[in-house]
Amino acid sequence: MKFAVIETGGKQYKVAVGDKIDIEKLGSENGSSVVFDKVLLIVDGEDISLGAPYIKDAKVTGKVLENYRDKKKIVFKYHSKVRRRKKKGHRQEMTEVEIVKI
């Protein structure tokens, strides 16, 4: 089984061919291809390639399926003795990507 660990948006994802991952917004249009060049690890059966920090000339190619906004997350701050409350909502822009090639 072949898989890779990539870095995008300050987070790391373990991906294999055919996987669909939700990552932070890339700014690419639906149907376009995207290349992740920050590859940290590639495992192909018994063969392991480890970068320090990235593997040189390694790329993972994906296809943008959809750009959307994630569900709302509530940010609530409360100070008990002074009876102060602050409620805020946040919806993160997300991109769904299908991995095509490692």
N, C-alpha and C. Protein backbone atom coordinates (compact mmCIF):
# COMPACT_ATOMS: atom_id res chain seq x y z
N MET A 1 0.84 -1.18 0.00
CA MET A 1 0.00 0.00 0.00
C MET A 1 0.88 1.24 0.00
N LYS A 2 0.59 2.15 -0.91
CA LYS A 2 1.38 3.36 -1.04
C LYS A 2 0.60 4.53 -0.45
N PHE A 3 1.27 5.29 0.43
CA PHE A 3 0.66 6.49 0.97
C PHE A 3 1.73 7.54 1.22
N ALA A 4 1.27 8.76 1.46
CA ALA A 4 2.19 9.87 1.70
C ALA A 4 1.63 10.75 2.81
N VAL A 5 2.51 11.52 3.43
CA VAL A 5 2.11 12.54 4.40
C VAL A 5 2.49 13.88 3.81
N ILE A 6 1.47 14.76 3.64
CA ILE A 6 1.70 16.08 3.05
C ILE A 6 1.37 17.16 4.07
N GLU A 7 1.89 18.35 3.82
CA GLU A 7 1.60 19.48 4.68
C GLU A 7 0.95 20.57 3.84
N THR A 8 -0.20 21.09 4.32
CA THR A 8 -0.87 22.21 3.68
C THR A 8 -1.72 22.92 4.72
N GLY A 9 -1.72 24.23 4.66
CA GLY A 9 -2.51 25.01 5.61
C GLY A 9 -2.05 24.88 7.04
N GLY A 10 -0.77 24.55 7.25
CA GLY A 10 -0.25 24.41 8.60
C GLY A 10 -0.61 23.10 9.27
N LYS A 11 -1.21 22.18 8.52
CA LYS A 11 -1.61 20.88 9.06
C LYS A 11 -1.01 19.77 8.21
N GLN A 12 -0.94 18.56 8.77
CA GLN A 12 -0.40 17.42 8.05
C GLN A 12 -1.51 16.41 7.80
N TYR A 13 -1.50 15.80 6.61
CA TYR A 13 -2.52 14.85 6.20
C TYR A 13 -1.86 13.59 5.65
N LYS A 14 -2.38 12.42 6.06
CA LYS A 14 -1.93 11.15 5.50
C LYS A 14 -2.87 10.83 4.35
N VAL A 15 -2.34 10.69 3.12
CA VAL A 15 -3.17 10.51 1.94
C VAL A 15 -2.70 9.31 1.13
N ALA A 16 -3.64 8.72 0.42
CA ALA A 16 -3.37 7.65 -0.54
C ALA A 16 -4.18 7.98 -1.79
N VAL A 17 -3.88 7.31 -2.89
CA VAL A 17 -4.59 7.56 -4.14
C VAL A 17 -6.06 7.19 -3.97
N GLY A 18 -6.95 8.12 -4.36
CA GLY A 18 -8.38 7.90 -4.25
C GLY A 18 -8.99 8.50 -3.00
N ASP A 19 -8.18 8.96 -2.05
CA ASP A 19 -8.71 9.57 -0.83
C ASP A 19 -9.30 10.94 -1.13
N LYS A 20 -10.33 11.29 -0.38
CA LYS A 20 -10.93 12.63 -0.44
C LYS A 20 -10.68 13.29 0.90
N ILE A 21 -10.01 14.46 0.87
CA ILE A 21 -9.68 15.16 2.10
C ILE A 21 -10.28 16.56 2.07
N ASP A 22 -10.62 17.06 3.24
CA ASP A 22 -11.12 18.42 3.40
C ASP A 22 -10.01 19.25 4.02
N ILE A 23 -9.56 20.29 3.29
CA ILE A 23 -8.47 21.13 3.77
C ILE A 23 -8.92 22.58 3.74
N GLU A 24 -8.11 23.46 4.33
CA GLU A 24 -8.42 24.87 4.31
C GLU A 24 -8.35 25.39 2.88
N LYS A 25 -9.09 26.46 2.62
CA LYS A 25 -9.28 26.99 1.27
C LYS A 25 -7.96 27.19 0.52
N LEU A 26 -7.94 26.71 -0.73
CA LEU A 26 -6.76 26.84 -1.58
C LEU A 26 -6.89 27.99 -2.57
N GLY A 27 -8.11 28.38 -2.92
CA GLY A 27 -8.29 29.43 -3.91
C GLY A 27 -8.30 28.91 -5.33
N SER A 28 -8.44 27.60 -5.52
CA SER A 28 -8.51 27.00 -6.85
C SER A 28 -9.97 26.76 -7.22
N GLU A 29 -10.25 26.76 -8.51
CA GLU A 29 -11.62 26.54 -8.97
C GLU A 29 -11.96 25.06 -8.98
N ASN A 30 -13.28 24.76 -8.97
CA ASN A 30 -13.74 23.37 -9.01
C ASN A 30 -13.28 22.71 -10.30
N GLY A 31 -12.78 21.49 -10.21
CA GLY A 31 -12.33 20.73 -11.37
C GLY A 31 -10.87 20.95 -11.73
N SER A 32 -10.22 21.94 -11.14
CA SER A 32 -8.81 22.18 -11.47
C SER A 32 -7.92 21.24 -10.67
N SER A 33 -6.69 21.10 -11.13
CA SER A 33 -5.75 20.22 -10.42
C SER A 33 -4.86 21.07 -9.52
N VAL A 34 -4.41 20.45 -8.44
CA VAL A 34 -3.55 21.14 -7.48
C VAL A 34 -2.39 20.21 -7.14
N VAL A 35 -1.21 20.79 -6.94
CA VAL A 35 0.00 20.02 -6.66
C VAL A 35 0.49 20.39 -5.26
N PHE A 36 0.68 19.38 -4.43
CA PHE A 36 1.24 19.57 -3.10
C PHE A 36 2.71 19.17 -3.16
N ASP A 37 3.61 20.15 -2.95
CA ASP A 37 5.04 19.85 -3.05
C ASP A 37 5.71 19.71 -1.68
N LYS A 38 4.97 19.99 -0.61
CA LYS A 38 5.51 19.80 0.74
C LYS A 38 5.17 18.39 1.21
N VAL A 39 5.96 17.42 0.74
CA VAL A 39 5.76 16.01 1.06
C VAL A 39 6.76 15.63 2.15
N LEU A 40 6.24 15.15 3.28
CA LEU A 40 7.09 14.81 4.42
C LEU A 40 7.53 13.35 4.41
N LEU A 41 6.67 12.45 3.90
CA LEU A 41 6.94 11.02 3.98
C LEU A 41 6.24 10.31 2.83
N ILE A 42 6.89 9.33 2.23
CA ILE A 42 6.28 8.45 1.24
C ILE A 42 6.61 7.01 1.62
N VAL A 43 5.56 6.19 1.72
CA VAL A 43 5.73 4.77 2.03
C VAL A 43 5.16 3.97 0.87
N ASP A 44 5.98 3.09 0.30
CA ASP A 44 5.55 2.24 -0.80
C ASP A 44 5.94 0.80 -0.44
N GLY A 45 5.04 0.11 0.26
CA GLY A 45 5.34 -1.25 0.71
C GLY A 45 6.42 -1.22 1.78
N GLU A 46 7.59 -1.78 1.45
CA GLU A 46 8.72 -1.80 2.37
C GLU A 46 9.64 -0.59 2.19
N ASP A 47 9.47 0.15 1.08
CA ASP A 47 10.32 1.29 0.77
C ASP A 47 9.78 2.54 1.46
N ILE A 48 10.61 3.20 2.27
CA ILE A 48 10.21 4.40 3.01
C ILE A 48 11.14 5.54 2.64
N SER A 49 10.56 6.68 2.24
CA SER A 49 11.33 7.89 1.98
C SER A 49 10.91 8.93 3.00
N LEU A 50 11.88 9.46 3.74
CA LEU A 50 11.60 10.43 4.79
C LEU A 50 12.34 11.71 4.48
N GLY A 51 11.65 12.83 4.53
CA GLY A 51 12.26 14.12 4.24
C GLY A 51 12.79 14.79 5.48
N ALA A 52 13.65 15.78 5.26
CA ALA A 52 14.21 16.54 6.37
C ALA A 52 14.24 18.02 6.01
N PRO A 53 13.17 18.79 6.09
CA PRO A 53 11.83 18.38 6.48
C PRO A 53 11.00 17.86 5.31
N TYR A 54 11.35 18.22 4.05
CA TYR A 54 10.56 17.79 2.89
C TYR A 54 11.39 16.92 1.97
N ILE A 55 10.71 16.05 1.21
CA ILE A 55 11.39 15.22 0.23
C ILE A 55 11.58 16.03 -1.04
N LYS A 56 12.79 16.10 -1.52
CA LYS A 56 13.09 16.88 -2.71
C LYS A 56 12.50 16.20 -3.95
N ASP A 57 11.89 16.96 -4.84
CA ASP A 57 11.30 16.50 -6.11
C ASP A 57 10.14 15.53 -5.93
N ALA A 58 9.50 15.51 -4.78
CA ALA A 58 8.33 14.66 -4.56
C ALA A 58 7.08 15.53 -4.63
N LYS A 59 6.06 15.02 -5.32
CA LYS A 59 4.82 15.78 -5.48
C LYS A 59 3.62 14.85 -5.33
N VAL A 60 2.54 15.41 -4.79
CA VAL A 60 1.26 14.71 -4.71
C VAL A 60 0.27 15.57 -5.48
N THR A 61 -0.41 14.95 -6.45
CA THR A 61 -1.35 15.67 -7.30
C THR A 61 -2.78 15.36 -6.87
N GLY A 62 -3.60 16.40 -6.84
CA GLY A 62 -5.00 16.23 -6.47
C GLY A 62 -5.91 17.00 -7.39
N LYS A 63 -7.20 16.71 -7.30
CA LYS A 63 -8.21 17.38 -8.12
C LYS A 63 -9.22 18.03 -7.18
N VAL A 64 -9.48 19.32 -7.39
CA VAL A 64 -10.42 20.06 -6.54
C VAL A 64 -11.84 19.63 -6.90
N LEU A 65 -12.56 19.11 -5.92
CA LEU A 65 -13.94 18.69 -6.15
C LEU A 65 -14.93 19.80 -5.83
N GLU A 66 -14.70 20.51 -4.71
CA GLU A 66 -15.69 21.49 -4.27
C GLU A 66 -15.06 22.49 -3.32
N ASN A 67 -15.48 23.75 -3.43
CA ASN A 67 -15.16 24.77 -2.45
C ASN A 67 -16.43 25.06 -1.67
N TYR A 68 -16.35 25.08 -0.35
CA TYR A 68 -17.54 25.28 0.47
C TYR A 68 -17.15 25.91 1.79
N ARG A 69 -18.17 26.27 2.59
CA ARG A 69 -17.94 26.78 3.93
C ARG A 69 -18.36 25.72 4.94
N ASP A 70 -17.50 25.49 5.92
CA ASP A 70 -17.75 24.49 6.95
C ASP A 70 -18.89 24.96 7.85
N LYS A 71 -19.42 24.04 8.66
CA LYS A 71 -20.50 24.43 9.57
C LYS A 71 -19.97 25.40 10.63
N LYS A 72 -20.87 26.19 11.20
CA LYS A 72 -20.49 27.25 12.13
C LYS A 72 -19.97 26.68 13.44
N LYS A 73 -18.86 27.26 13.89
CA LYS A 73 -18.30 26.93 15.19
C LYS A 73 -18.55 28.13 16.10
N ILE A 74 -19.01 27.85 17.32
CA ILE A 74 -19.32 28.90 18.28
C ILE A 74 -18.11 29.15 19.17
N VAL A 75 -17.73 30.42 19.30
CA VAL A 75 -16.65 30.84 20.19
C VAL A 75 -17.32 31.62 21.31
N PHE A 76 -17.29 31.09 22.54
CA PHE A 76 -17.96 31.72 23.67
C PHE A 76 -16.95 31.96 24.78
N LYS A 77 -16.80 33.22 25.19
CA LYS A 77 -15.90 33.57 26.28
C LYS A 77 -16.74 34.05 27.45
N TYR A 78 -16.37 33.63 28.66
CA TYR A 78 -17.14 33.95 29.84
C TYR A 78 -16.20 34.23 31.01
N HIS A 79 -16.43 35.35 31.69
CA HIS A 79 -15.69 35.68 32.90
C HIS A 79 -16.69 35.66 34.05
N SER A 80 -16.45 34.80 35.04
CA SER A 80 -17.47 34.51 36.04
C SER A 80 -17.75 35.67 36.99
N LYS A 81 -16.75 36.28 37.56
CA LYS A 81 -16.98 37.28 38.62
C LYS A 81 -17.47 38.62 38.07
N VAL A 82 -17.11 38.95 36.86
CA VAL A 82 -17.51 40.25 36.30
C VAL A 82 -18.73 40.14 35.38
N ARG A 83 -19.29 38.93 35.25
CA ARG A 83 -20.51 38.68 34.46
C ARG A 83 -20.36 39.18 33.02
N ARG A 84 -19.20 38.92 32.44
CA ARG A 84 -18.97 39.34 31.06
C ARG A 84 -19.05 38.12 30.15
N ARG A 85 -19.84 38.24 29.10
CA ARG A 85 -19.99 37.17 28.12
C ARG A 85 -19.73 37.72 26.73
N LYS A 86 -19.14 36.86 25.88
CA LYS A 86 -18.90 37.26 24.49
C LYS A 86 -19.14 36.04 23.62
N LYS A 87 -20.08 36.13 22.70
CA LYS A 87 -20.41 35.02 21.81
C LYS A 87 -20.11 35.42 20.37
N LYS A 88 -19.39 34.55 19.68
CA LYS A 88 -18.98 34.82 18.31
C LYS A 88 -19.12 33.54 17.50
N GLY A 89 -19.42 33.64 16.23
CA GLY A 89 -19.48 32.48 15.35
C GLY A 89 -18.42 32.58 14.27
N HIS A 90 -18.00 31.41 13.75
CA HIS A 90 -16.98 31.39 12.69
C HIS A 90 -17.27 30.25 11.73
N ARG A 91 -17.24 30.55 10.42
CA ARG A 91 -17.37 29.51 9.40
C ARG A 91 -16.12 29.53 8.54
N GLN A 92 -15.39 28.41 8.54
CA GLN A 92 -14.13 28.30 7.82
C GLN A 92 -14.38 27.95 6.35
N GLU A 93 -13.67 28.62 5.45
CA GLU A 93 -13.70 28.29 4.02
C GLU A 93 -12.90 27.00 3.83
N MET A 94 -13.48 26.00 3.16
CA MET A 94 -12.84 24.69 3.00
C MET A 94 -12.81 24.31 1.52
N THR A 95 -11.93 23.38 1.19
CA THR A 95 -11.81 22.81 -0.16
C THR A 95 -11.74 21.30 -0.03
N GLU A 96 -12.57 20.60 -0.82
CA GLU A 96 -12.52 19.14 -0.85
C GLU A 96 -11.65 18.72 -2.04
N VAL A 97 -10.63 17.90 -1.77
CA VAL A 97 -9.66 17.50 -2.79
C VAL A 97 -9.60 15.98 -2.85
N GLU A 98 -9.60 15.43 -4.09
CA GLU A 98 -9.40 14.00 -4.28
C GLU A 98 -7.97 13.78 -4.76
N ILE A 99 -7.25 12.86 -4.11
CA ILE A 99 -5.85 12.60 -4.45
C ILE A 99 -5.81 11.70 -5.69
N VAL A 100 -5.06 12.15 -6.71
CA VAL A 100 -5.01 11.46 -7.99
C VAL A 100 -3.71 10.66 -8.14
N LYS A 101 -2.59 11.26 -7.72
CA LYS A 101 -1.29 10.63 -7.99
C LYS A 101 -0.29 11.00 -6.91
N ILE A 102 0.53 10.00 -6.53
CA ILE A 102 1.62 10.26 -5.58
C ILE A 102 2.93 10.07 -6.31
